[in-house]
C-alpha atoms as a PDB file:
ATOM      1  CA  ALA A   1      -7.848  22.778  20.615  1.00  0.00           C
ATOM      2  CA  HIS A   2      -8.693  19.730  18.495  1.00  0.00           C
ATOM      3  CA  SER A   3     -10.408  19.755  15.084  1.00  0.00           C
ATOM      4  CA  ASP A   4     -10.675  17.998  11.700  1.00  0.00           C
ATOM      5  CA  PRO A   5     -10.069  21.018   9.410  1.00  0.00           C
ATOM      6  CA  TRP A   6      -9.869  19.163   6.098  1.00  0.00           C
ATOM      7  CA  GLY A   7     -12.465  16.462   6.827  1.00  0.00           C
ATOM      8  CA  GLY A   8     -11.886  12.782   6.273  1.00  0.00           C
ATOM      9  CA  GLY A   9     -10.129  12.003   9.542  1.00  0.00           C
ATOM     10  CA  HIS A  10      -7.219  14.447   9.671  1.00  0.00           C
ATOM     11  CA  ASP A  11      -7.207  15.113  13.400  1.00  0.00           C
ATOM     12  CA  CYS A  12      -5.453  18.390  14.132  1.00  0.00           C
ATOM     13  CA  TRP A  13      -4.284  19.947  17.402  1.00  0.00           C
ATOM     14  CA  LYS A  14      -3.700  23.684  17.731  1.00  0.00           C
ATOM     15  CA  VAL A  15      -2.463  26.168  20.286  1.00  0.00           C
ATOM     16  CA  GLY A  16      -3.452  29.804  19.874  1.00  0.00           C
ATOM     17  CA  GLY A  17      -4.991  28.937  16.498  1.00  0.00           C
ATOM     18  CA  LYS A  18      -1.736  27.470  15.107  1.00  0.00           C
ATOM     19  CA  MET A  19      -1.333  23.773  14.331  1.00  0.00           C
ATOM     20  CA  PHE A  20       1.313  21.836  16.272  1.00  0.00           C
ATOM     21  CA  ALA A  21       0.273  18.228  15.487  1.00  0.00           C
ATOM     22  CA  VAL A  22      -1.847  16.484  12.864  1.00  0.00           C
ATOM     23  CA  THR A  23      -2.629  12.829  12.189  1.00  0.00           C
ATOM     24  CA  GLY A  24      -3.030  11.437   8.697  1.00  0.00           C
ATOM     25  CA  ALA A  25      -6.316  10.110   7.384  1.00  0.00           C
ATOM     26  CA  ILE A  26      -4.662   7.096   5.710  1.00  0.00           C
ATOM     27  CA  ASN A  27      -1.297   6.575   7.409  1.00  0.00           C
ATOM     28  CA  GLU A  28      -1.154   5.870  11.126  1.00  0.00           C
ATOM     29  CA  GLN A  29       1.249   8.670  11.942  1.00  0.00           C
ATOM     30  CA  VAL A  30       1.418  12.073  13.585  1.00  0.00           C
ATOM     31  CA  SER A  31       3.150  15.053  11.994  1.00  0.00           C
ATOM     32  CA  VAL A  32       4.887  17.580  14.235  1.00  0.00           C
ATOM     33  CA  LYS A  33       7.164  20.595  13.890  1.00  0.00           C
ATOM     34  CA  THR A  34      10.855  20.358  14.793  1.00  0.00           C
ATOM     35  CA  ASP A  35      13.188  23.235  15.600  1.00  0.00           C
ATOM     36  CA  GLY A  36      14.500  23.291  12.030  1.00  0.00           C
ATOM     37  CA  ILE A  37      15.193  21.543   8.757  1.00  0.00           C
ATOM     38  CA  GLU A  38      18.485  20.116  10.073  1.00  0.00           C
ATOM     39  CA  THR A  39      16.753  18.404  13.009  1.00  0.00           C
ATOM     40  CA  ALA A  40      14.047  17.036  10.724  1.00  0.00           C
ATOM     41  CA  GLU A  41      16.635  15.669   8.284  1.00  0.00           C
ATOM     42  CA  MET A  42      18.616  14.072  11.125  1.00  0.00           C
ATOM     43  CA  LEU A  43      15.502  12.292  12.454  1.00  0.00           C
ATOM     44  CA  ILE A  44      14.561  11.133   8.954  1.00  0.00           C
ATOM     45  CA  GLU A  45      18.099   9.860   8.237  1.00  0.00           C
ATOM     46  CA  ALA A  46      18.133   8.044  11.609  1.00  0.00           C
ATOM     47  CA  GLY A  47      14.937   6.226  10.634  1.00  0.00           C
ATOM     48  CA  ILE A  48      12.959   7.713  13.523  1.00  0.00           C
ATOM     49  CA  ALA A  49      10.654   9.753  11.296  1.00  0.00           C
ATOM     50  CA  SER A  50       9.729  10.416   7.690  1.00  0.00           C
ATOM     51  CA  ARG A  51       9.047  13.583   5.725  1.00  0.00           C
ATOM     52  CA  ALA A  52       5.650  15.053   6.623  1.00  0.00           C
ATOM     53  CA  ALA A  53       3.667  15.264   3.392  1.00  0.00           C
ATOM     54  CA  TYR A  54       2.391  18.721   2.392  1.00  0.00           C
ATOM     55  CA  MET A  55       4.201  20.384   5.315  1.00  0.00           C
ATOM     56  CA  HIS A  56       7.287  22.604   5.591  1.00  0.00           C
ATOM     57  CA  ARG A  57      10.585  20.670   5.654  1.00  0.00           C
ATOM     58  CA  SER A  58      10.927  21.351   9.396  1.00  0.00           C
ATOM     59  CA  TRP A  59       7.947  19.032   9.998  1.00  0.00           C
ATOM     60  CA  ILE A  60       8.298  15.261  10.411  1.00  0.00           C
ATOM     61  CA  ALA A  61       5.898  12.333  10.532  1.00  0.00           C
ATOM     62  CA  LEU A  62       6.225   9.723  13.270  1.00  0.00           C
ATOM     63  CA  PRO A  63       4.444   6.346  13.196  1.00  0.00           C
ATOM     64  CA  LEU A  64       1.813   6.120  15.946  1.00  0.00           C
ATOM     65  CA  ASP A  65       3.467   2.901  17.143  1.00  0.00           C
ATOM     66  CA  SER A  66       6.763   4.747  17.797  1.00  0.00           C
ATOM     67  CA  ASP A  67       8.282   4.635  21.261  1.00  0.00           C
ATOM     68  CA  PRO A  68       5.762   6.443  23.506  1.00  0.00           C
ATOM     69  CA  ALA A  69       8.521   8.554  25.109  1.00  0.00           C
ATOM     70  CA  GLU A  70       9.695   9.712  21.651  1.00  0.00           C
ATOM     71  CA  LEU A  71       6.126  10.571  20.592  1.00  0.00           C
ATOM     72  CA  ARG A  72       5.512  12.472  23.832  1.00  0.00           C
ATOM     73  CA  HIS A  73       8.806  14.368  23.463  1.00  0.00           C
ATOM     74  CA  ARG A  74       8.238  15.340  19.811  1.00  0.00           C
ATOM     75  CA  ILE A  75       4.594  16.397  20.314  1.00  0.00           C
ATOM     76  CA  THR A  76       5.508  18.423  23.422  1.00  0.00           C
ATOM     77  CA  ALA A  77       8.456  20.039  21.614  1.00  0.00           C
ATOM     78  CA  SER A  78       6.225  20.938  18.650  1.00  0.00           C
ATOM     79  CA  TYR A  79       3.638  22.457  21.002  1.00  0.00           C
ATOM     80  CA  SER A  80       6.348  24.501  22.733  1.00  0.00           C
ATOM     81  CA  LEU A  81       7.813  25.746  19.432  1.00  0.00           C
ATOM     82  CA  ILE A  82       4.421  26.828  18.084  1.00  0.00           C
ATOM     83  CA  ARG A  83       3.353  28.375  21.397  1.00  0.00           C
ATOM     84  CA  ALA A  84       6.617  30.360  21.623  1.00  0.00           C
ATOM     85  CA  SER A  85       6.047  31.733  18.098  1.00  0.00           C
ATOM     86  CA  LEU A  86       2.679  33.241  19.051  1.00  0.00           C
ATOM     87  CA  PRO A  87       2.360  36.937  19.881  1.00  0.00           C
ATOM     88  CA  LYS A  88       2.987  37.620  23.604  1.00  0.00           C
ATOM     89  CA  LYS A  89      -0.605  38.843  23.976  1.00  0.00           C
ATOM     90  CA  VAL A  90      -1.935  35.476  22.739  1.00  0.00           C
ATOM     91  CA  GLN A  91       0.561  33.530  24.891  1.00  0.00           C
ATOM     92  CA  ALA A  92      -0.663  35.391  27.971  1.00  0.00           C
ATOM     93  CA  THR A  93      -4.201  34.049  27.429  1.00  0.00           C
ATOM     94  CA  LEU A  94      -3.089  30.405  27.310  1.00  0.00           C
ATOM     95  CA  THR A  95      -3.002  27.935  30.176  1.00  0.00           C
ATOM     96  CA  GLY A  96      -1.082  24.683  30.398  1.00  0.00           C
ATOM     97  CA  ILE A  97       2.471  23.806  29.392  1.00  0.00           C
END
């Protein structure tokens, strides 16, 4: 599902009511969840991503002009992580990935 929960151009994508990706209203970037703080720190240190403002330290921000394969991988991984964290009953109602 797609929404703008805070207004002002923060596009947000959710699965089962939980956010897995959000774009910034000012910066041209997408924030996604990683599998942990260590992964996020590694991607930040490698220069692939930056710290996602206002989010848990396991979230990163990727510029929208990043390599399309990297963006696709990180958004898909974030979706999968959030979907897997949902109660089994909610997961059973979902279609797609």
